[in-house]
Amino acid sequence: LWSVAEVRSERGQVEVGNDAASVQLPPVCAGDAPGWWGIQRLTMRAGEHVLSVRLDDLDPYRGLYEPVLPQRLDAAEVDAWRALLDQAWHLIVHHLPDIADALRAGLDSLVPRPAVAFQMPSASTGEAFGSAIIARPPDAASLAATLVHEFHHIRLGVLLRLARLHEEDPRERFYTPWRDDPRPIGGVVQGVYAFFGVTAFWRALARAGAKAPDRRAAFEFAHWREQAWRVLCVLRDDPVLTQAGRRFVDGIAERLGPWRDEPVPADLGALVAAVSADHYAGWRIRYLRPDPATVADLETAWLAGRTPPVATQLGTDRGPTPVPDGSWSSARADLIRLSVADPLNGWNMLSRTWPSVPDATAADFAYVTGRLTDAARGYRAELAADADRPAAWVGLGLALSGLGVTLASRALLHYPEVVRAVHRGIRARTHTVPAPEDLAAWIGRFAY
């Protein structure tokens, strides 16, 4: 696959070759010629603001970890990227002009990747300043938010060359709402800064529509401001931060804090709370391991028909494990975002599209469309088929919370890892399988 070639230049003509073959380069290397692909450059103009980036689908080192083969885009794909990037650039220039000025100086290369349904994967690395890997987005606003996100990573990468923000600590011990796995402090600092940028973008977009607010922008703003703030509150007190790191984090908090008081429609606030509770409970049930002695005591008390031990502590001081106990589905969050994007036709649209959402179930569809009794019934059926499925346990907690079933939902959303572990242990000790919500309500008597 790989070989060695010699580059020869004479009188302005450049030839690359070896004993097997040779290629004569075109006068402009960005152009194509027989045996040669040039890296294309896209140029966008929004008034006086010009963004020019390479659309790099060729370089073997354009990825993150190892050399990759060329994946040449066809003309239609290049045109689609050009159109999306042009629209995204206009959004950034109009809504975040200061970011636009920095971005056009610091972003040089965009590595295109295929679209991923209901996701926007992207990445950058401190070893390749000015380059961002981005999956093809569904719309210009998504691309604009992703460009801002990755450029914040790029800028922070430069700062980290100049100042140490935290001591070395590879332990994966933090919950972050933008990842399904526990993160080390380095990843948390990167993430909180990047999503501070994302929050700023959606805030600007939401505030621009004063007469007819953009519901999607308002939802994303409300969501990411709360998630970034949640992580900041934990991060700013961490002893691993250096003095420079604490100053950096406090600076973000100083900007982000007042945004939390800005109003958003009440129904969107409720959806944000649901998405947040869903993801955090899903993280707990997969990555936290309850104390075995606590689980055993609860199993014994349940089987003996006693009330839960009053002194039992449901929480654990042990950090998360990097190995998940079960898989996760973001289907409910995906469905909620779909409903926000088209509120007038939400029900009809979701009824047609929900089966195409990866891992979505009928119970998820019922939950998102407000049929909470049907949703709870559906999640019970899912647990009857697979009593360990994390998304079903958390979904049941969300549905019961909406129905006002406080004790069971409290346990399922605050300590789902304990409820499932006790349920699993009882199943191993007896042929009588407890109803999930009965067990959750029993544990919920002292879950706070």
Protein backbone atom coordinates (compact mmCIF):
# COMPACT_ATOMS: atom_id res chain seq x y z
CA LEU A 1 0.00 0.00 0.00
CA TRP A 2 2.76 2.46 0.93
CA SER A 3 5.86 3.06 -1.18
CA VAL A 4 8.77 5.46 -1.63
CA ALA A 5 8.86 8.07 -4.37
CA GLU A 6 11.28 10.72 -5.50
CA VAL A 7 10.32 14.31 -6.21
CA ARG A 8 12.13 16.00 -9.12
CA SER A 9 11.73 19.63 -10.14
CA GLU A 10 13.09 21.23 -13.29
CA ARG A 11 12.11 24.52 -14.94
CA GLY A 12 8.87 24.74 -12.99
CA GLN A 13 7.79 21.19 -13.75
CA VAL A 14 7.44 18.84 -10.78
CA GLU A 15 7.37 15.08 -11.13
CA VAL A 16 6.79 12.49 -8.42
CA GLY A 17 7.70 8.91 -9.19
CA ASN A 18 9.67 5.73 -8.71
CA ASP A 19 10.52 2.71 -10.81
CA ALA A 20 6.86 1.66 -11.00
CA ALA A 21 5.20 4.91 -12.09
CA SER A 22 5.50 8.67 -12.22
CA VAL A 23 3.06 11.57 -12.00
CA GLN A 24 3.57 15.08 -13.31
CA LEU A 25 2.01 17.66 -11.02
CA PRO A 26 -0.27 20.33 -12.49
CA PRO A 27 0.87 23.98 -12.35
CA VAL A 28 -1.60 24.57 -9.50
CA CYS A 29 -1.39 21.69 -7.01
CA ALA A 30 -4.95 22.29 -5.84
CA GLY A 31 -6.16 21.18 -9.26
CA ASP A 32 -6.57 17.64 -10.58
CA ALA A 33 -4.43 16.01 -13.26
CA PRO A 34 -3.84 12.45 -14.51
CA GLY A 35 -2.68 10.49 -11.46
CA TRP A 36 -3.03 13.50 -9.18
CA TRP A 37 -5.81 14.74 -6.91
CA GLY A 38 -5.59 18.24 -5.51
CA ILE A 39 -6.99 19.29 -2.16
CA GLN A 40 -9.89 21.60 -2.92
CA ARG A 41 -10.37 24.95 -1.23
CA LEU A 42 -13.76 26.42 -0.41
CA THR A 43 -14.12 30.18 -0.02
CA MET A 44 -17.16 31.77 1.62
CA ARG A 45 -17.97 35.47 1.77
CA ALA A 46 -20.35 37.20 4.15
CA GLY A 47 -19.96 40.92 3.56
CA GLU A 48 -16.34 41.76 4.26
CA HIS A 49 -15.77 38.52 6.16
CA VAL A 50 -14.06 35.81 4.13
CA LEU A 51 -13.52 32.22 5.25
CA SER A 52 -11.25 30.04 3.13
CA VAL A 53 -10.66 26.41 4.12
CA ARG A 54 -9.26 23.31 2.51
CA LEU A 55 -11.76 20.49 2.09
CA ASP A 56 -9.29 17.75 2.91
CA ASP A 57 -10.48 14.35 1.73
CA LEU A 58 -7.01 13.09 0.74
CA ASP A 59 -4.21 13.62 3.24
CA PRO A 60 -3.25 10.32 4.92
CA TYR A 61 -2.73 12.15 8.23
CA ARG A 62 -6.04 14.02 8.26
CA GLY A 63 -7.51 11.61 10.83
CA LEU A 64 -6.83 11.32 14.53
CA TYR A 65 -4.93 8.12 15.18
CA GLU A 66 -3.45 6.47 12.09
CA PRO A 67 -2.99 7.02 8.35
CA VAL A 68 -6.21 6.74 6.36
CA LEU A 69 -6.91 6.20 2.67
CA PRO A 70 -8.26 8.98 0.43
CA GLN A 71 -12.05 9.24 0.35
CA ARG A 72 -12.61 11.56 -2.58
CA LEU A 73 -15.87 13.50 -2.55
CA ASP A 74 -17.79 13.65 -5.80
CA ALA A 75 -18.90 16.96 -7.31
CA ALA A 76 -22.37 16.80 -5.75
CA GLU A 77 -20.92 16.23 -2.28
CA VAL A 78 -18.49 19.12 -2.69
CA ASP A 79 -21.35 21.38 -3.77
CA ALA A 80 -23.41 20.29 -0.75
CA TRP A 81 -20.53 21.08 1.60
CA ARG A 82 -19.97 24.43 -0.10
CA ALA A 83 -23.63 25.40 0.28
CA LEU A 84 -23.81 24.33 3.92
CA LEU A 85 -20.55 26.02 4.80
CA ASP A 86 -21.61 29.24 3.09
CA GLN A 87 -24.87 29.33 5.07
CA ALA A 88 -23.11 28.41 8.32
CA TRP A 89 -20.51 31.12 7.77
CA HIS A 90 -23.23 33.73 7.29
CA LEU A 91 -24.84 32.62 10.57
CA ILE A 92 -21.58 32.90 12.49
CA VAL A 93 -20.68 36.28 11.00
CA HIS A 94 -24.15 37.68 11.71
CA HIS A 95 -24.59 36.30 15.21
CA LEU A 96 -21.04 35.94 16.57
CA PRO A 97 -18.84 38.41 14.66
CA ASP A 98 -16.00 38.24 17.20
CA ILE A 99 -15.85 34.47 16.84
CA ALA A 100 -15.97 34.86 13.06
CA ASP A 101 -12.91 37.12 13.07
CA ALA A 102 -10.92 34.58 15.05
CA LEU A 103 -12.26 31.57 13.18
CA ARG A 104 -11.30 32.84 9.74
CA ALA A 105 -7.73 33.33 10.96
CA GLY A 106 -7.46 30.02 12.77
CA LEU A 107 -9.49 27.46 10.81
CA ASP A 108 -7.61 26.23 7.76
CA SER A 109 -8.79 22.70 7.04
CA LEU A 110 -12.10 20.86 7.21
CA VAL A 111 -11.98 17.07 6.99
CA PRO A 112 -15.38 15.89 5.73
CA ARG A 113 -16.93 12.71 7.01
CA PRO A 114 -20.19 10.98 6.02
CA ALA A 115 -23.41 12.04 7.72
CA VAL A 116 -24.53 10.09 10.79
CA ALA A 117 -28.26 10.11 11.43
CA PHE A 118 -29.29 12.10 14.53
CA GLN A 119 -25.67 12.72 15.47
CA MET A 120 -23.06 15.36 14.71
CA PRO A 121 -19.70 13.67 15.35
CA SER A 122 -16.70 15.96 15.08
CA ALA A 123 -13.16 16.08 16.39
CA SER A 124 -9.95 18.07 16.42
CA THR A 125 -6.50 17.58 17.91
CA GLY A 126 -3.85 19.83 19.37
CA GLU A 127 -1.35 18.19 17.02
CA ALA A 128 -3.10 19.64 13.95
CA PHE A 129 -3.87 23.28 14.65
CA GLY A 130 -6.57 24.70 12.42
CA SER A 131 -8.05 21.39 11.31
CA ALA A 132 -11.46 19.97 12.24
CA ILE A 133 -13.03 16.64 11.35
CA ILE A 134 -16.79 17.07 10.85
CA ALA A 135 -19.52 14.69 9.74
CA ARG A 136 -21.81 16.18 7.11
CA PRO A 137 -24.53 18.01 9.06
CA PRO A 138 -28.26 18.06 8.30
CA ASP A 139 -28.46 21.86 8.20
CA ALA A 140 -26.45 25.06 8.35
CA ALA A 141 -27.19 25.83 12.01
CA SER A 142 -25.84 22.43 13.06
CA LEU A 143 -22.67 23.05 11.05
CA ALA A 144 -22.25 26.54 12.49
CA ALA A 145 -22.58 25.22 16.05
CA THR A 146 -20.07 22.46 15.27
CA LEU A 147 -17.57 24.89 13.74
CA VAL A 148 -17.78 27.05 16.85
CA HIS A 149 -17.43 23.95 19.03
CA GLU A 150 -14.34 22.65 17.26
CA PHE A 151 -12.74 26.08 17.01
CA HIS A 152 -13.00 26.41 20.78
CA HIS A 153 -11.12 23.12 21.06
CA ILE A 154 -8.50 24.46 18.64
CA ARG A 155 -8.06 27.71 20.58
CA LEU A 156 -7.81 25.89 23.88
CA GLY A 157 -5.19 23.60 22.34
CA VAL A 158 -3.02 26.67 21.77
CA LEU A 159 -3.57 27.94 25.31
CA LEU A 160 -2.53 24.56 26.70
CA ARG A 161 0.82 25.00 24.94
CA LEU A 162 1.32 28.19 26.92
CA ALA A 163 -0.15 27.40 30.34
CA ARG A 164 -0.85 24.34 32.45
CA LEU A 165 -4.50 24.41 33.47
CA HIS A 166 -4.47 21.21 35.51
CA GLU A 167 -2.08 18.64 36.89
CA GLU A 168 -1.76 15.32 35.14
CA ASP A 169 -4.64 13.08 36.20
CA PRO A 170 -5.78 10.37 33.77
CA ARG A 171 -8.55 9.06 36.05
CA GLU A 172 -11.89 8.88 34.24
CA ARG A 173 -13.96 10.23 37.11
CA PHE A 174 -16.26 12.97 35.79
CA TYR A 175 -19.79 12.95 34.44
CA THR A 176 -20.22 15.16 31.38
CA PRO A 177 -23.61 15.52 29.66
CA TRP A 178 -22.05 15.58 26.19
CA ARG A 179 -20.42 12.16 26.55
CA ASP A 180 -21.86 8.78 27.47
CA ASP A 181 -18.67 7.69 29.27
CA PRO A 182 -16.75 9.03 32.28
CA ARG A 183 -14.09 11.60 31.40
CA PRO A 184 -10.70 12.65 32.80
CA ILE A 185 -10.17 16.24 33.82
CA GLY A 186 -8.37 17.13 30.59
CA GLY A 187 -11.38 16.10 28.54
CA VAL A 188 -13.71 17.92 30.92
CA VAL A 189 -11.84 21.21 30.60
CA GLN A 190 -11.87 20.85 26.82
CA GLY A 191 -15.56 19.96 26.78
CA VAL A 192 -16.78 22.71 29.06
CA TYR A 193 -15.00 25.36 26.99
CA ALA A 194 -16.24 23.93 23.69
CA PHE A 195 -19.84 23.74 24.90
CA PHE A 196 -19.59 27.22 26.35
CA GLY A 197 -18.99 28.23 22.73
CA VAL A 198 -21.92 26.14 21.55
CA THR A 199 -24.13 27.78 24.18
CA ALA A 200 -23.04 31.23 22.98
CA PHE A 201 -24.00 30.36 19.40
CA TRP A 202 -27.47 29.04 20.20
CA ARG A 203 -28.05 31.95 22.59
CA ALA A 204 -27.29 34.46 19.84
CA LEU A 205 -29.52 32.61 17.39
CA ALA A 206 -32.37 32.41 19.92
CA ARG A 207 -32.13 36.09 20.84
CA ALA A 208 -32.16 37.15 17.18
CA GLY A 209 -35.77 36.04 16.77
CA ALA A 210 -37.38 38.36 19.31
CA LYS A 211 -40.75 38.50 17.50
CA ALA A 212 -40.83 34.83 16.51
CA PRO A 213 -38.30 32.98 18.67
CA ASP A 214 -36.47 30.06 17.09
CA ARG A 215 -37.66 27.19 19.30
CA ARG A 216 -34.86 24.91 18.29
CA ALA A 217 -32.25 27.56 19.12
CA ALA A 218 -33.99 28.35 22.41
CA PHE A 219 -34.05 24.66 23.35
CA GLU A 220 -30.38 24.11 22.50
CA PHE A 221 -29.40 27.29 24.34
CA ALA A 222 -31.34 26.28 27.45
CA HIS A 223 -29.98 22.75 27.28
CA TRP A 224 -26.30 23.53 26.83
CA ARG A 225 -26.18 26.43 29.30
CA GLU A 226 -27.44 24.08 32.03
CA GLN A 227 -25.12 21.23 31.05
CA ALA A 228 -22.05 23.46 30.86
CA TRP A 229 -22.96 25.09 34.18
CA ARG A 230 -23.48 21.72 35.84
CA VAL A 231 -19.98 20.62 34.89
CA LEU A 232 -18.45 23.99 35.78
CA CYS A 233 -19.83 23.76 39.32
CA VAL A 234 -17.98 20.48 39.84
CA LEU A 235 -14.86 21.42 37.91
CA ARG A 236 -14.11 24.77 39.54
CA ASP A 237 -13.62 23.15 42.97
CA ASP A 238 -11.44 20.28 41.76
CA PRO A 239 -8.03 20.24 43.48
CA VAL A 240 -6.26 19.12 40.29
CA LEU A 241 -6.84 22.53 38.67
CA THR A 242 -3.85 24.87 38.73
CA GLN A 243 -4.16 28.55 39.58
CA ALA A 244 -4.28 29.31 35.86
CA GLY A 245 -6.90 26.61 35.37
CA ARG A 246 -9.07 28.00 38.13
CA ARG A 247 -8.83 31.46 36.62
CA PHE A 248 -9.78 30.03 33.22
CA VAL A 249 -12.79 28.14 34.58
CA ASP A 250 -13.94 31.11 36.67
CA GLY A 251 -13.79 33.26 33.56
CA ILE A 252 -16.18 30.91 31.76
CA ALA A 253 -18.49 30.87 34.78
CA GLU A 254 -18.52 34.67 34.91
CA ARG A 255 -19.81 34.78 31.33
CA LEU A 256 -22.12 31.78 31.53
CA GLY A 257 -23.72 32.46 34.92
CA PRO A 258 -25.93 35.42 33.92
CA TRP A 259 -27.21 33.52 30.89
CA ARG A 260 -28.97 31.09 33.22
CA ASP A 261 -31.42 33.86 34.17
CA GLU A 262 -32.48 34.54 30.59
CA PRO A 263 -36.03 33.28 29.98
CA VAL A 264 -36.97 30.46 27.63
CA PRO A 265 -40.48 29.08 27.00
CA ALA A 266 -41.63 26.96 29.95
CA ASP A 267 -42.38 23.92 27.82
CA LEU A 268 -38.84 23.95 26.44
CA GLY A 269 -37.47 24.20 29.97
CA ALA A 270 -39.41 21.06 30.89
CA LEU A 271 -37.99 19.23 27.87
CA VAL A 272 -34.47 20.30 28.81
CA ALA A 273 -35.02 18.93 32.32
CA ALA A 274 -36.25 15.63 30.88
CA VAL A 275 -33.27 15.25 28.53
CA SER A 276 -30.89 16.09 31.38
CA ALA A 277 -32.47 13.63 33.81
CA ASP A 278 -32.54 10.95 31.12
CA HIS A 279 -28.85 11.20 30.27
CA TYR A 280 -27.60 11.46 33.86
CA ALA A 281 -29.65 8.49 35.06
CA GLY A 282 -28.47 6.53 32.03
CA TRP A 283 -24.87 7.33 32.92
CA ARG A 284 -25.35 6.30 36.55
CA ILE A 285 -26.99 2.97 35.78
CA ARG A 286 -24.15 1.97 33.45
CA TYR A 287 -21.05 3.40 35.10
CA LEU A 288 -21.69 3.49 38.86
CA ARG A 289 -21.47 0.29 40.87
CA PRO A 290 -23.44 0.37 44.14
CA ASP A 291 -21.89 -0.91 47.33
CA PRO A 292 -22.30 -4.74 47.36
CA ALA A 293 -23.12 -4.77 51.08
CA THR A 294 -25.88 -2.20 50.58
CA VAL A 295 -27.33 -4.20 47.71
CA ALA A 296 -27.23 -7.43 49.75
CA ASP A 297 -28.95 -5.76 52.72
CA LEU A 298 -31.71 -4.44 50.49
CA GLU A 299 -32.21 -7.82 48.82
CA THR A 300 -32.52 -9.53 52.19
CA ALA A 301 -34.93 -6.92 53.55
CA TRP A 302 -37.14 -7.15 50.45
CA LEU A 303 -37.28 -10.93 50.52
CA ALA A 304 -38.09 -10.87 54.25
CA GLY A 305 -40.91 -8.38 53.71
CA ARG A 306 -39.26 -5.73 55.85
CA THR A 307 -38.99 -2.00 55.24
CA PRO A 308 -35.70 -0.75 53.83
CA PRO A 309 -32.96 -0.33 56.44
CA VAL A 310 -33.19 3.28 57.59
CA ALA A 311 -29.42 3.78 57.81
CA THR A 312 -28.77 2.53 54.28
CA GLN A 313 -26.74 4.90 52.13
CA LEU A 314 -27.67 4.53 48.47
CA GLY A 315 -24.86 6.67 47.11
CA THR A 316 -21.29 5.49 46.83
CA ASP A 317 -17.97 7.25 47.28
CA ARG A 318 -16.41 5.03 44.68
CA GLY A 319 -15.82 6.66 41.35
CA PRO A 320 -17.28 5.45 38.07
CA THR A 321 -15.92 2.43 36.27
CA PRO A 322 -14.80 2.85 32.65
CA VAL A 323 -16.63 -0.34 31.67
CA PRO A 324 -20.37 0.20 31.07
CA ASP A 325 -22.95 -2.23 32.41
CA GLY A 326 -25.19 -2.34 29.36
CA SER A 327 -25.63 -0.20 26.25
CA TRP A 328 -27.40 3.13 25.99
CA SER A 329 -29.89 4.67 23.60
CA SER A 330 -30.23 8.39 22.95
CA ALA A 331 -33.56 7.80 21.20
CA ARG A 332 -35.67 9.83 23.65
CA ALA A 333 -33.40 12.86 23.30
CA ASP A 334 -33.41 12.47 19.52
CA LEU A 335 -37.21 12.29 19.47
CA ILE A 336 -37.52 15.34 21.72
CA ARG A 337 -35.26 17.32 19.40
CA LEU A 338 -37.36 16.26 16.43
CA SER A 339 -40.52 17.43 18.18
CA VAL A 340 -38.92 20.78 19.05
CA ALA A 341 -37.81 21.33 15.46
CA ASP A 342 -41.40 21.08 14.15
CA PRO A 343 -43.82 21.94 16.99
CA LEU A 344 -46.86 22.54 14.76
CA ASN A 345 -46.65 19.15 13.10
CA GLY A 346 -44.79 17.39 15.89
CA TRP A 347 -47.22 14.53 16.55
CA ASN A 348 -47.88 13.70 12.90
CA MET A 349 -44.24 14.07 11.98
CA LEU A 350 -43.05 11.89 14.87
CA SER A 351 -45.64 9.23 14.10
CA ARG A 352 -44.05 8.86 10.68
CA THR A 353 -40.39 9.25 11.58
CA TRP A 354 -39.91 7.71 15.02
CA PRO A 355 -39.27 4.17 13.67
CA SER A 356 -36.25 5.57 11.79
CA VAL A 357 -34.64 6.89 14.98
CA PRO A 358 -31.92 4.41 16.01
CA ASP A 359 -33.02 2.18 18.92
CA ALA A 360 -36.30 4.07 19.45
CA THR A 361 -39.13 1.98 20.89
CA ALA A 362 -42.89 2.43 20.99
CA ALA A 363 -42.55 3.35 24.66
CA ASP A 364 -40.10 6.13 23.77
CA PHE A 365 -42.54 7.48 21.19
CA ALA A 366 -45.37 7.37 23.73
CA TYR A 367 -43.25 9.19 26.32
CA VAL A 368 -42.19 11.99 23.99
CA THR A 369 -45.75 12.52 22.75
CA GLY A 370 -47.09 12.80 26.30
CA ARG A 371 -48.88 9.45 26.57
CA LEU A 372 -47.22 8.67 29.87
CA THR A 373 -49.45 5.76 30.92
CA ASP A 374 -48.76 4.04 27.60
CA ALA A 375 -45.07 4.79 27.99
CA ALA A 376 -44.91 3.28 31.48
CA ARG A 377 -46.74 0.19 30.22
CA GLY A 378 -44.29 -0.09 27.34
CA TYR A 379 -41.23 0.18 29.56
CA ARG A 380 -42.63 -2.48 31.89
CA ALA A 381 -42.96 -4.76 28.86
CA GLU A 382 -39.39 -3.98 27.81
CA LEU A 383 -38.12 -4.89 31.28
CA ALA A 384 -40.14 -8.09 31.24
CA ALA A 385 -38.27 -9.02 28.07
CA ASP A 386 -34.86 -7.76 29.24
CA ALA A 387 -34.70 -6.92 32.93
CA ASP A 388 -31.24 -5.35 32.62
CA ARG A 389 -31.89 -2.85 29.80
CA PRO A 390 -30.69 0.56 31.06
CA ALA A 391 -32.87 2.68 28.76
CA ALA A 392 -36.02 0.87 29.91
CA TRP A 393 -35.26 1.40 33.62
CA VAL A 394 -34.62 5.10 33.08
CA GLY A 395 -37.59 5.44 30.72
CA LEU A 396 -39.87 3.96 33.36
CA GLY A 397 -38.55 6.50 35.85
CA LEU A 398 -39.23 9.37 33.46
CA ALA A 399 -42.76 8.17 32.69
CA LEU A 400 -43.60 7.65 36.36
CA SER A 401 -42.19 11.08 37.21
CA GLY A 402 -44.51 12.63 34.65
CA LEU A 403 -47.43 10.73 36.19
CA GLY A 404 -46.55 12.03 39.65
CA VAL A 405 -45.43 8.67 41.06
CA THR A 406 -42.83 10.24 43.30
CA LEU A 407 -41.21 7.43 45.30
CA ALA A 408 -40.56 5.08 42.40
CA SER A 409 -39.43 7.78 39.99
CA ARG A 410 -37.13 9.31 42.59
CA ALA A 411 -35.27 6.04 43.02
CA LEU A 412 -35.21 5.27 39.30
CA LEU A 413 -33.84 8.67 38.31
CA HIS A 414 -31.54 9.34 41.27
CA TYR A 415 -30.24 5.82 42.02
CA PRO A 416 -31.10 3.61 39.04
CA GLU A 417 -27.93 1.60 39.52
CA VAL A 418 -29.12 0.55 43.00
CA VAL A 419 -32.63 -0.38 41.88
CA ARG A 420 -31.37 -2.50 39.00
CA ALA A 421 -28.67 -4.17 41.11
CA VAL A 422 -31.18 -5.13 43.82
CA HIS A 423 -33.67 -6.35 41.20
CA ARG A 424 -30.90 -8.40 39.59
CA GLY A 425 -29.89 -9.89 42.93
CA ILE A 426 -33.46 -10.81 43.89
CA ARG A 427 -33.92 -12.53 40.53
CA ALA A 428 -30.83 -14.59 41.23
CA ARG A 429 -32.10 -15.63 44.68
CA THR A 430 -35.74 -16.40 43.96
CA HIS A 431 -38.09 -17.32 41.15
CA THR A 432 -40.41 -14.46 42.10
CA VAL A 433 -39.47 -11.40 40.07
CA PRO A 434 -40.57 -8.14 41.73
CA ALA A 435 -42.40 -5.55 39.68
CA PRO A 436 -39.78 -2.90 38.82
CA GLU A 437 -41.82 0.06 40.05
CA ASP A 438 -42.84 -1.70 43.28
CA LEU A 439 -39.20 -2.31 44.12
CA ALA A 440 -38.30 1.22 43.08
CA ALA A 441 -41.04 2.70 45.28
CA TRP A 442 -39.84 0.58 48.21
CA ILE A 443 -36.27 1.84 47.76
CA GLY A 444 -37.55 5.34 47.05
CA ARG A 445 -38.76 5.70 50.63
CA PHE A 446 -35.28 6.86 51.60
CA ALA A 447 -33.92 8.03 48.23
CA TYR A 448 -33.22 11.76 48.14
